[in-house]
Amino acid sequence: MSIDPTTIDLLVLDVDGVLTDGRIIYDDAGGELKMFHVQDGSGLKYWHRAGKRSAILTGRRSGVVDRRAAELGVSLVRQGSIDKLPALREILAEMRVDPARAAYMGDDLPDLPAMRICGLKIGVPNAVEEIQAVADWIAPVPGGHGAVRWAIEKLLRESGLWATVMARYA
């Protein structure tokens, strides 16, 4: 499918398997730990600097996700959303974004219905077969290893906005 990246205003991200490698670590006190890739975080900051917005949509609940989202300036976070399609519709309505102008990055079956309504569907190589089958793009690196950064950089480069990012570092 040929996607015009200039039409994408919102990037919606799953957490486990996309922003992380999908592993969940519990400490002795029962706390949940997640590992995020610093380049994904940098990518989200570049995305926001280019005037774009982001949202997180995840089936689990974790204070770590709220903390990471706040650090990165993520516009909206929805946790505990097992049924992601209605949750995505709420996000789109709240943010006033047409589904055709949203990109969704997911890895597992709960992401599938939400991905299907978005203008750009992005998968990761660790995604299940059904996600890979509907994805317009598949990141060359797994979730939790810079896949989000890859997608953002591709979107910004193909929409002519990468120069905006690079101007800060020239």
N, C-alpha and C. Protein backbone atom coordinates (compact mmCIF):
# COMPACT_ATOMS: atom_id res chain seq x y z
N MET A 1 0.84 -1.18 0.00
CA MET A 1 0.00 0.00 0.00
C MET A 1 0.89 1.24 0.00
N SER A 2 0.56 2.23 -0.79
CA SER A 2 1.31 3.46 -0.86
C SER A 2 0.71 4.48 0.11
N ILE A 3 1.48 4.86 1.10
CA ILE A 3 1.04 5.78 2.14
C ILE A 3 1.74 7.12 1.93
N ASP A 4 0.99 8.20 2.03
CA ASP A 4 1.58 9.53 2.00
C ASP A 4 1.91 9.91 3.44
N PRO A 5 3.18 9.87 3.84
CA PRO A 5 3.53 10.13 5.23
C PRO A 5 3.20 11.54 5.70
N THR A 6 3.03 12.47 4.75
CA THR A 6 2.69 13.84 5.16
C THR A 6 1.29 13.92 5.76
N THR A 7 0.47 12.89 5.54
CA THR A 7 -0.90 12.92 6.07
C THR A 7 -0.98 12.41 7.51
N ILE A 8 0.09 11.85 8.03
CA ILE A 8 0.06 11.26 9.37
C ILE A 8 0.32 12.33 10.42
N ASP A 9 -0.66 12.53 11.31
CA ASP A 9 -0.57 13.52 12.38
C ASP A 9 -0.38 12.90 13.75
N LEU A 10 -0.77 11.63 13.89
CA LEU A 10 -0.76 10.98 15.20
C LEU A 10 -0.13 9.60 15.08
N LEU A 11 0.76 9.29 16.00
CA LEU A 11 1.37 7.97 16.09
C LEU A 11 0.88 7.31 17.37
N VAL A 12 0.18 6.18 17.23
CA VAL A 12 -0.35 5.44 18.37
C VAL A 12 0.52 4.20 18.56
N LEU A 13 1.00 4.01 19.78
CA LEU A 13 1.94 2.93 20.07
C LEU A 13 1.42 1.98 21.13
N ASP A 14 1.58 0.69 20.87
CA ASP A 14 1.43 -0.32 21.90
C ASP A 14 2.71 -0.25 22.74
N VAL A 15 2.68 -0.85 23.91
CA VAL A 15 3.87 -0.83 24.77
C VAL A 15 4.62 -2.15 24.70
N ASP A 16 4.05 -3.21 25.26
CA ASP A 16 4.76 -4.49 25.36
C ASP A 16 4.92 -5.12 23.98
N GLY A 17 6.17 -5.25 23.55
CA GLY A 17 6.47 -5.81 22.24
C GLY A 17 6.74 -4.75 21.19
N VAL A 18 6.46 -3.47 21.51
CA VAL A 18 6.72 -2.38 20.58
C VAL A 18 7.70 -1.39 21.23
N LEU A 19 7.27 -0.73 22.30
CA LEU A 19 8.18 0.14 23.04
C LEU A 19 9.13 -0.65 23.94
N THR A 20 8.75 -1.88 24.26
CA THR A 20 9.63 -2.79 25.00
C THR A 20 9.79 -4.06 24.18
N ASP A 21 10.67 -4.94 24.65
CA ASP A 21 10.86 -6.20 23.93
C ASP A 21 9.80 -7.24 24.30
N GLY A 22 8.85 -6.84 25.12
CA GLY A 22 7.75 -7.74 25.47
C GLY A 22 7.95 -8.48 26.78
N ARG A 23 9.16 -8.45 27.30
CA ARG A 23 9.40 -9.12 28.58
C ARG A 23 8.92 -8.24 29.73
N ILE A 24 8.42 -8.88 30.78
CA ILE A 24 7.99 -8.18 31.98
C ILE A 24 8.79 -8.74 33.14
N ILE A 25 9.37 -7.86 33.91
CA ILE A 25 10.19 -8.25 35.06
C ILE A 25 9.49 -7.78 36.32
N TYR A 26 9.37 -8.67 37.30
CA TYR A 26 8.82 -8.30 38.60
C TYR A 26 9.94 -8.30 39.62
N ASP A 27 9.93 -7.27 40.50
CA ASP A 27 10.92 -7.26 41.58
C ASP A 27 10.34 -7.97 42.80
N ASP A 28 11.15 -8.13 43.84
CA ASP A 28 10.72 -8.85 45.04
C ASP A 28 9.54 -8.19 45.74
N ALA A 29 9.38 -6.90 45.56
CA ALA A 29 8.28 -6.18 46.19
C ALA A 29 7.00 -6.24 45.36
N GLY A 30 7.06 -6.93 44.23
CA GLY A 30 5.89 -7.04 43.36
C GLY A 30 5.79 -5.94 42.32
N GLY A 31 6.80 -5.07 42.28
CA GLY A 31 6.81 -4.01 41.28
C GLY A 31 7.12 -4.54 39.89
N GLU A 32 6.62 -3.85 38.90
CA GLU A 32 6.82 -4.25 37.51
C GLU A 32 7.90 -3.37 36.88
N LEU A 33 8.83 -3.99 36.20
CA LEU A 33 9.91 -3.28 35.53
C LEU A 33 9.79 -3.48 34.03
N LYS A 34 10.08 -2.42 33.29
CA LYS A 34 10.10 -2.50 31.83
C LYS A 34 11.36 -1.80 31.35
N MET A 35 11.92 -2.30 30.26
CA MET A 35 13.10 -1.67 29.67
C MET A 35 12.69 -1.00 28.36
N PHE A 36 13.03 0.28 28.26
CA PHE A 36 12.74 1.07 27.06
C PHE A 36 14.06 1.42 26.38
N HIS A 37 14.03 1.54 25.06
CA HIS A 37 15.22 1.89 24.30
C HIS A 37 15.32 3.41 24.20
N VAL A 38 16.49 3.94 24.52
CA VAL A 38 16.68 5.39 24.52
C VAL A 38 16.45 5.99 23.13
N GLN A 39 16.76 5.26 22.07
CA GLN A 39 16.55 5.81 20.73
C GLN A 39 15.06 5.94 20.39
N ASP A 40 14.24 5.06 20.93
CA ASP A 40 12.79 5.22 20.76
C ASP A 40 12.34 6.52 21.42
N GLY A 41 12.88 6.77 22.61
CA GLY A 41 12.55 8.01 23.32
C GLY A 41 12.99 9.23 22.55
N SER A 42 14.20 9.20 22.02
CA SER A 42 14.68 10.32 21.20
C SER A 42 13.79 10.52 19.98
N GLY A 43 13.41 9.42 19.36
CA GLY A 43 12.54 9.50 18.20
C GLY A 43 11.22 10.17 18.53
N LEU A 44 10.64 9.83 19.67
CA LEU A 44 9.38 10.47 20.07
C LEU A 44 9.57 11.96 20.31
N LYS A 45 10.68 12.34 20.88
CA LYS A 45 10.95 13.78 21.06
C LYS A 45 11.07 14.48 19.71
N TYR A 46 11.74 13.85 18.75
CA TYR A 46 11.86 14.43 17.41
C TYR A 46 10.48 14.56 16.76
N TRP A 47 9.66 13.53 16.92
CA TRP A 47 8.30 13.52 16.37
C TRP A 47 7.52 14.72 16.91
N HIS A 48 7.60 14.94 18.21
CA HIS A 48 6.87 16.05 18.82
C HIS A 48 7.44 17.39 18.38
N ARG A 49 8.76 17.49 18.26
CA ARG A 49 9.38 18.74 17.79
C ARG A 49 8.93 19.09 16.38
N ALA A 50 8.60 18.08 15.59
CA ALA A 50 8.14 18.30 14.22
C ALA A 50 6.65 18.67 14.19
N GLY A 51 6.05 18.83 15.37
CA GLY A 51 4.66 19.26 15.45
C GLY A 51 3.65 18.13 15.41
N LYS A 52 4.12 16.91 15.58
CA LYS A 52 3.24 15.74 15.54
C LYS A 52 2.89 15.30 16.97
N ARG A 53 1.83 14.51 17.08
CA ARG A 53 1.39 14.03 18.39
C ARG A 53 1.48 12.51 18.47
N SER A 54 1.49 12.02 19.71
CA SER A 54 1.59 10.58 19.93
C SER A 54 0.63 10.17 21.04
N ALA A 55 0.31 8.89 21.03
CA ALA A 55 -0.53 8.30 22.08
C ALA A 55 -0.03 6.89 22.36
N ILE A 56 -0.24 6.46 23.57
CA ILE A 56 0.07 5.08 23.97
C ILE A 56 -1.24 4.39 24.26
N LEU A 57 -1.38 3.18 23.72
CA LEU A 57 -2.58 2.36 23.94
C LEU A 57 -2.11 0.96 24.30
N THR A 58 -2.33 0.56 25.55
CA THR A 58 -1.83 -0.72 26.03
C THR A 58 -2.88 -1.47 26.83
N GLY A 59 -2.80 -2.77 26.76
CA GLY A 59 -3.75 -3.61 27.48
C GLY A 59 -3.41 -3.78 28.95
N ARG A 60 -2.18 -3.53 29.31
CA ARG A 60 -1.75 -3.68 30.71
C ARG A 60 -1.77 -2.31 31.39
N ARG A 61 -1.58 -2.34 32.71
CA ARG A 61 -1.46 -1.10 33.50
C ARG A 61 -0.11 -1.12 34.22
N SER A 62 0.60 0.00 34.13
CA SER A 62 1.90 0.09 34.78
C SER A 62 2.25 1.55 35.01
N GLY A 63 2.64 1.87 36.24
CA GLY A 63 3.10 3.21 36.54
C GLY A 63 4.34 3.59 35.75
N VAL A 64 5.12 2.58 35.39
CA VAL A 64 6.34 2.82 34.61
C VAL A 64 5.98 3.43 33.25
N VAL A 65 4.88 2.99 32.67
CA VAL A 65 4.45 3.52 31.37
C VAL A 65 4.06 4.99 31.50
N ASP A 66 3.32 5.32 32.56
CA ASP A 66 2.96 6.73 32.78
C ASP A 66 4.21 7.59 32.92
N ARG A 67 5.18 7.09 33.66
CA ARG A 67 6.41 7.85 33.87
C ARG A 67 7.16 8.07 32.56
N ARG A 68 7.32 7.01 31.78
CA ARG A 68 8.04 7.12 30.51
C ARG A 68 7.30 8.05 29.55
N ALA A 69 5.99 7.92 29.49
CA ALA A 69 5.18 8.78 28.61
C ALA A 69 5.33 10.25 29.01
N ALA A 70 5.32 10.53 30.30
CA ALA A 70 5.47 11.91 30.77
C ALA A 70 6.85 12.46 30.41
N GLU A 71 7.88 11.64 30.57
CA GLU A 71 9.25 12.05 30.21
C GLU A 71 9.35 12.45 28.75
N LEU A 72 8.60 11.76 27.91
CA LEU A 72 8.72 11.94 26.46
C LEU A 72 7.68 12.88 25.87
N GLY A 73 6.76 13.37 26.69
CA GLY A 73 5.74 14.29 26.18
C GLY A 73 4.67 13.62 25.35
N VAL A 74 4.39 12.36 25.62
CA VAL A 74 3.32 11.65 24.90
C VAL A 74 2.00 12.35 25.21
N SER A 75 1.22 12.63 24.18
CA SER A 75 0.01 13.43 24.32
C SER A 75 -1.07 12.76 25.15
N LEU A 76 -1.23 11.46 25.01
CA LEU A 76 -2.33 10.76 25.67
C LEU A 76 -1.93 9.32 25.94
N VAL A 77 -2.30 8.81 27.11
CA VAL A 77 -1.98 7.42 27.49
C VAL A 77 -3.26 6.73 27.91
N ARG A 78 -3.53 5.56 27.31
CA ARG A 78 -4.66 4.72 27.70
C ARG A 78 -4.10 3.36 28.09
N GLN A 79 -4.25 3.02 29.36
CA GLN A 79 -3.78 1.73 29.86
C GLN A 79 -4.97 0.87 30.25
N GLY A 80 -4.74 -0.43 30.31
CA GLY A 80 -5.79 -1.37 30.70
C GLY A 80 -6.86 -1.53 29.65
N SER A 81 -6.52 -1.25 28.41
CA SER A 81 -7.49 -1.33 27.30
C SER A 81 -7.33 -2.66 26.59
N ILE A 82 -8.03 -3.66 27.09
CA ILE A 82 -7.97 -5.00 26.49
C ILE A 82 -8.59 -4.97 25.10
N ASP A 83 -9.71 -4.27 24.96
CA ASP A 83 -10.39 -4.13 23.67
C ASP A 83 -9.92 -2.80 23.07
N LYS A 84 -8.94 -2.87 22.21
CA LYS A 84 -8.25 -1.67 21.76
C LYS A 84 -9.00 -0.85 20.71
N LEU A 85 -9.90 -1.45 19.96
CA LEU A 85 -10.60 -0.68 18.94
C LEU A 85 -11.45 0.43 19.54
N PRO A 86 -12.33 0.14 20.52
CA PRO A 86 -13.10 1.25 21.11
C PRO A 86 -12.19 2.27 21.80
N ALA A 87 -11.12 1.79 22.41
CA ALA A 87 -10.19 2.72 23.07
C ALA A 87 -9.52 3.63 22.03
N LEU A 88 -9.15 3.07 20.89
CA LEU A 88 -8.55 3.89 19.84
C LEU A 88 -9.56 4.90 19.31
N ARG A 89 -10.79 4.48 19.12
CA ARG A 89 -11.82 5.42 18.65
C ARG A 89 -11.97 6.59 19.63
N GLU A 90 -11.90 6.30 20.93
CA GLU A 90 -11.96 7.37 21.94
C GLU A 90 -10.76 8.30 21.83
N ILE A 91 -9.59 7.73 21.65
CA ILE A 91 -8.37 8.54 21.50
C ILE A 91 -8.51 9.46 20.29
N LEU A 92 -8.91 8.89 19.17
CA LEU A 92 -9.05 9.68 17.93
C LEU A 92 -10.07 10.80 18.10
N ALA A 93 -11.19 10.49 18.76
CA ALA A 93 -12.22 11.51 18.98
C ALA A 93 -11.69 12.61 19.91
N GLU A 94 -11.06 12.19 20.99
CA GLU A 94 -10.54 13.16 21.97
C GLU A 94 -9.47 14.05 21.35
N MET A 95 -8.65 13.49 20.49
CA MET A 95 -7.57 14.26 19.87
C MET A 95 -7.99 14.89 18.55
N ARG A 96 -9.21 14.61 18.13
CA ARG A 96 -9.77 15.15 16.88
C ARG A 96 -8.88 14.81 15.68
N VAL A 97 -8.62 13.50 15.55
CA VAL A 97 -7.80 13.01 14.45
C VAL A 97 -8.61 11.98 13.67
N ASP A 98 -8.65 12.14 12.37
CA ASP A 98 -9.29 11.16 11.50
C ASP A 98 -8.44 9.89 11.49
N PRO A 99 -9.06 8.70 11.53
CA PRO A 99 -8.26 7.46 11.52
C PRO A 99 -7.28 7.38 10.35
N ALA A 100 -7.63 7.95 9.22
CA ALA A 100 -6.75 7.92 8.05
C ALA A 100 -5.47 8.71 8.29
N ARG A 101 -5.48 9.61 9.27
CA ARG A 101 -4.32 10.44 9.57
C ARG A 101 -3.54 9.94 10.78
N ALA A 102 -3.84 8.70 11.18
CA ALA A 102 -3.16 8.08 12.31
C ALA A 102 -2.34 6.89 11.84
N ALA A 103 -1.19 6.72 12.48
CA ALA A 103 -0.38 5.51 12.30
C ALA A 103 -0.47 4.72 13.60
N TYR A 104 -0.55 3.41 13.47
CA TYR A 104 -0.63 2.54 14.65
C TYR A 104 0.50 1.53 14.56
N MET A 105 1.23 1.37 15.65
CA MET A 105 2.34 0.42 15.69
C MET A 105 2.03 -0.63 16.74
N GLY A 106 1.88 -1.88 16.29
CA GLY A 106 1.52 -2.96 17.21
C GLY A 106 2.24 -4.25 16.88
N ASP A 107 2.01 -5.25 17.75
CA ASP A 107 2.72 -6.51 17.58
C ASP A 107 1.88 -7.76 17.81
N ASP A 108 0.69 -7.62 18.41
CA ASP A 108 -0.05 -8.83 18.79
C ASP A 108 -1.53 -8.70 18.44
N LEU A 109 -2.24 -9.79 18.56
CA LEU A 109 -3.64 -9.85 18.12
C LEU A 109 -4.54 -8.76 18.70
N PRO A 110 -4.41 -8.36 19.97
CA PRO A 110 -5.26 -7.27 20.46
C PRO A 110 -5.09 -5.96 19.69
N ASP A 111 -3.95 -5.78 19.02
CA ASP A 111 -3.71 -4.57 18.23
C ASP A 111 -4.41 -4.60 16.87
N LEU A 112 -4.73 -5.77 16.39
CA LEU A 112 -5.21 -5.95 15.02
C LEU A 112 -6.45 -5.11 14.67
N PRO A 113 -7.54 -5.16 15.44
CA PRO A 113 -8.72 -4.36 15.06
C PRO A 113 -8.42 -2.86 15.02
N ALA A 114 -7.62 -2.38 15.96
CA ALA A 114 -7.27 -0.96 15.99
C ALA A 114 -6.38 -0.60 14.80
N MET A 115 -5.43 -1.44 14.50
CA MET A 115 -4.53 -1.18 13.37
C MET A 115 -5.30 -1.04 12.07
N ARG A 116 -6.28 -1.91 11.91
CA ARG A 116 -7.01 -1.98 10.62
C ARG A 116 -7.68 -0.66 10.24
N ILE A 117 -8.06 0.17 11.21
CA ILE A 117 -8.77 1.41 10.86
C ILE A 117 -7.82 2.59 10.62
N CYS A 118 -6.53 2.41 10.86
CA CYS A 118 -5.59 3.51 10.74
C CYS A 118 -5.02 3.63 9.33
N GLY A 119 -4.64 4.83 8.99
CA GLY A 119 -4.09 5.09 7.66
C GLY A 119 -2.77 4.40 7.41
N LEU A 120 -1.97 4.25 8.46
CA LEU A 120 -0.67 3.59 8.33
C LEU A 120 -0.55 2.56 9.44
N LYS A 121 -0.26 1.34 9.04
CA LYS A 121 -0.13 0.22 9.98
C LYS A 121 1.33 -0.21 10.01
N ILE A 122 1.92 -0.19 11.21
CA ILE A 122 3.34 -0.50 11.34
C ILE A 122 3.51 -1.68 12.29
N GLY A 123 4.26 -2.67 11.84
CA GLY A 123 4.53 -3.84 12.67
C GLY A 123 6.01 -3.92 13.02
N VAL A 124 6.31 -4.88 13.84
CA VAL A 124 7.69 -5.16 14.22
C VAL A 124 7.99 -6.61 13.82
N PRO A 125 9.26 -6.97 13.64
CA PRO A 125 9.56 -8.33 13.20
C PRO A 125 9.15 -9.40 14.21
N ASN A 126 9.00 -9.01 15.47
CA ASN A 126 8.54 -9.95 16.49
C ASN A 126 7.02 -10.02 16.58
N ALA A 127 6.33 -9.34 15.67
CA ALA A 127 4.86 -9.36 15.66
C ALA A 127 4.34 -10.71 15.18
N VAL A 128 3.12 -11.02 15.61
CA VAL A 128 2.47 -12.24 15.14
C VAL A 128 2.18 -12.12 13.64
N GLU A 129 2.00 -13.26 13.02
CA GLU A 129 1.79 -13.34 11.57
C GLU A 129 0.65 -12.43 11.09
N GLU A 130 -0.43 -12.38 11.84
CA GLU A 130 -1.60 -11.59 11.42
C GLU A 130 -1.29 -10.09 11.39
N ILE A 131 -0.47 -9.63 12.30
CA ILE A 131 -0.06 -8.22 12.29
C ILE A 131 0.85 -7.96 11.10
N GLN A 132 1.79 -8.85 10.88
CA GLN A 132 2.71 -8.67 9.75
C GLN A 132 1.96 -8.68 8.42
N ALA A 133 0.88 -9.44 8.35
CA ALA A 133 0.10 -9.53 7.11
C ALA A 133 -0.62 -8.22 6.78
N VAL A 134 -1.05 -7.46 7.78
CA VAL A 134 -1.79 -6.21 7.51
C VAL A 134 -0.89 -4.98 7.53
N ALA A 135 0.34 -5.13 8.04
CA ALA A 135 1.23 -3.97 8.19
C ALA A 135 1.68 -3.42 6.84
N ASP A 136 1.66 -2.09 6.75
CA ASP A 136 2.21 -1.41 5.57
C ASP A 136 3.73 -1.39 5.66
N TRP A 137 4.23 -1.24 6.86
CA TRP A 137 5.67 -1.23 7.12
C TRP A 137 5.98 -2.21 8.23
N ILE A 138 7.12 -2.86 8.13
CA ILE A 138 7.64 -3.70 9.22
C ILE A 138 9.02 -3.14 9.56
N ALA A 139 9.19 -2.75 10.80
CA ALA A 139 10.50 -2.23 11.24
C ALA A 139 11.55 -3.32 11.06
N PRO A 140 12.78 -2.94 10.75
CA PRO A 140 13.83 -3.94 10.58
C PRO A 140 14.41 -4.44 11.90
N VAL A 141 14.05 -3.79 12.99
CA VAL A 141 14.53 -4.19 14.32
C VAL A 141 13.34 -4.49 15.22
N PRO A 142 13.50 -5.40 16.18
CA PRO A 142 12.37 -5.79 17.04
C PRO A 142 11.91 -4.67 17.97
N GLY A 143 10.70 -4.83 18.48
CA GLY A 143 10.20 -3.93 19.50
C GLY A 143 11.15 -3.90 20.68
N GLY A 144 11.30 -2.71 21.26
CA GLY A 144 12.20 -2.55 22.39
C GLY A 144 13.66 -2.38 22.00
N HIS A 145 13.93 -2.38 20.70
CA HIS A 145 15.31 -2.26 20.20
C HIS A 145 15.44 -1.16 19.15
N GLY A 146 14.62 -0.13 19.25
CA GLY A 146 14.70 0.98 18.31
C GLY A 146 13.69 0.95 17.18
N ALA A 147 12.70 0.08 17.25
CA ALA A 147 11.70 -0.02 16.18
C ALA A 147 10.87 1.26 16.06
N VAL A 148 10.52 1.85 17.19
CA VAL A 148 9.73 3.09 17.16
C VAL A 148 10.57 4.20 16.54
N ARG A 149 11.83 4.29 16.89
CA ARG A 149 12.72 5.30 16.31
C ARG A 149 12.79 5.12 14.79
N TRP A 150 12.92 3.88 14.35
CA TRP A 150 12.98 3.61 12.91
C TRP A 150 11.72 4.14 12.22
N ALA A 151 10.56 3.84 12.79
CA ALA A 151 9.29 4.26 12.18
C ALA A 151 9.17 5.78 12.14
N ILE A 152 9.54 6.42 13.24
CA ILE A 152 9.45 7.88 13.30
C ILE A 152 10.41 8.52 12.31
N GLU A 153 11.63 8.03 12.27
CA GLU A 153 12.60 8.61 11.35
C GLU A 153 12.14 8.42 9.91
N LYS A 154 11.60 7.25 9.58
CA LYS A 154 11.08 7.00 8.23
C LYS A 154 9.95 7.97 7.90
N LEU A 155 9.02 8.14 8.84
CA LEU A 155 7.91 9.08 8.64
C LEU A 155 8.42 10.50 8.43
N LEU A 156 9.34 10.94 9.27
CA LEU A 156 9.84 12.31 9.18
C LEU A 156 10.66 12.52 7.91
N ARG A 157 11.48 11.56 7.55
CA ARG A 157 12.28 11.70 6.32
C ARG A 157 11.36 11.75 5.09
N GLU A 158 10.41 10.82 5.03
CA GLU A 158 9.55 10.73 3.84
C GLU A 158 8.55 11.88 3.76
N SER A 159 8.32 12.57 4.86
CA SER A 159 7.40 13.72 4.82
C SER A 159 8.16 15.04 4.74
N GLY A 160 9.49 14.96 4.61
CA GLY A 160 10.30 16.17 4.46
C GLY A 160 10.53 16.93 5.75
N LEU A 161 10.28 16.31 6.89
CA LEU A 161 10.43 16.99 8.18
C LEU A 161 11.73 16.66 8.90
N TRP A 162 12.53 15.76 8.35
CA TRP A 162 13.77 15.38 9.02
C TRP A 162 14.72 16.57 9.14
N ALA A 163 14.69 17.48 8.17
CA ALA A 163 15.55 18.67 8.22
C ALA A 163 15.22 19.52 9.45
N THR A 164 13.96 19.53 9.86
CA THR A 164 13.55 20.25 11.07
C THR A 164 14.27 19.68 12.28
N VAL A 165 14.35 18.37 12.34
CA VAL A 165 15.04 17.70 13.44
C VAL A 165 16.53 18.00 13.38
N MET A 166 17.10 17.85 12.19
CA MET A 166 18.55 18.00 12.02
C MET A 166 19.02 19.43 12.25
N ALA A 167 18.16 20.42 12.03
CA ALA A 167 18.54 21.82 12.20
C ALA A 167 19.08 22.08 13.60
N ARG A 168 18.55 21.39 14.56
CA ARG A 168 18.98 21.56 15.95
C ARG A 168 20.41 21.04 16.17
N TYR A 169 20.84 20.13 15.34
CA TYR A 169 22.14 19.49 15.53
C TYR A 169 23.18 19.92 14.49
N ALA A 170 22.82 20.87 13.65
CA ALA A 170 23.74 21.32 12.59
C ALA A 170 24.84 22.21 13.14
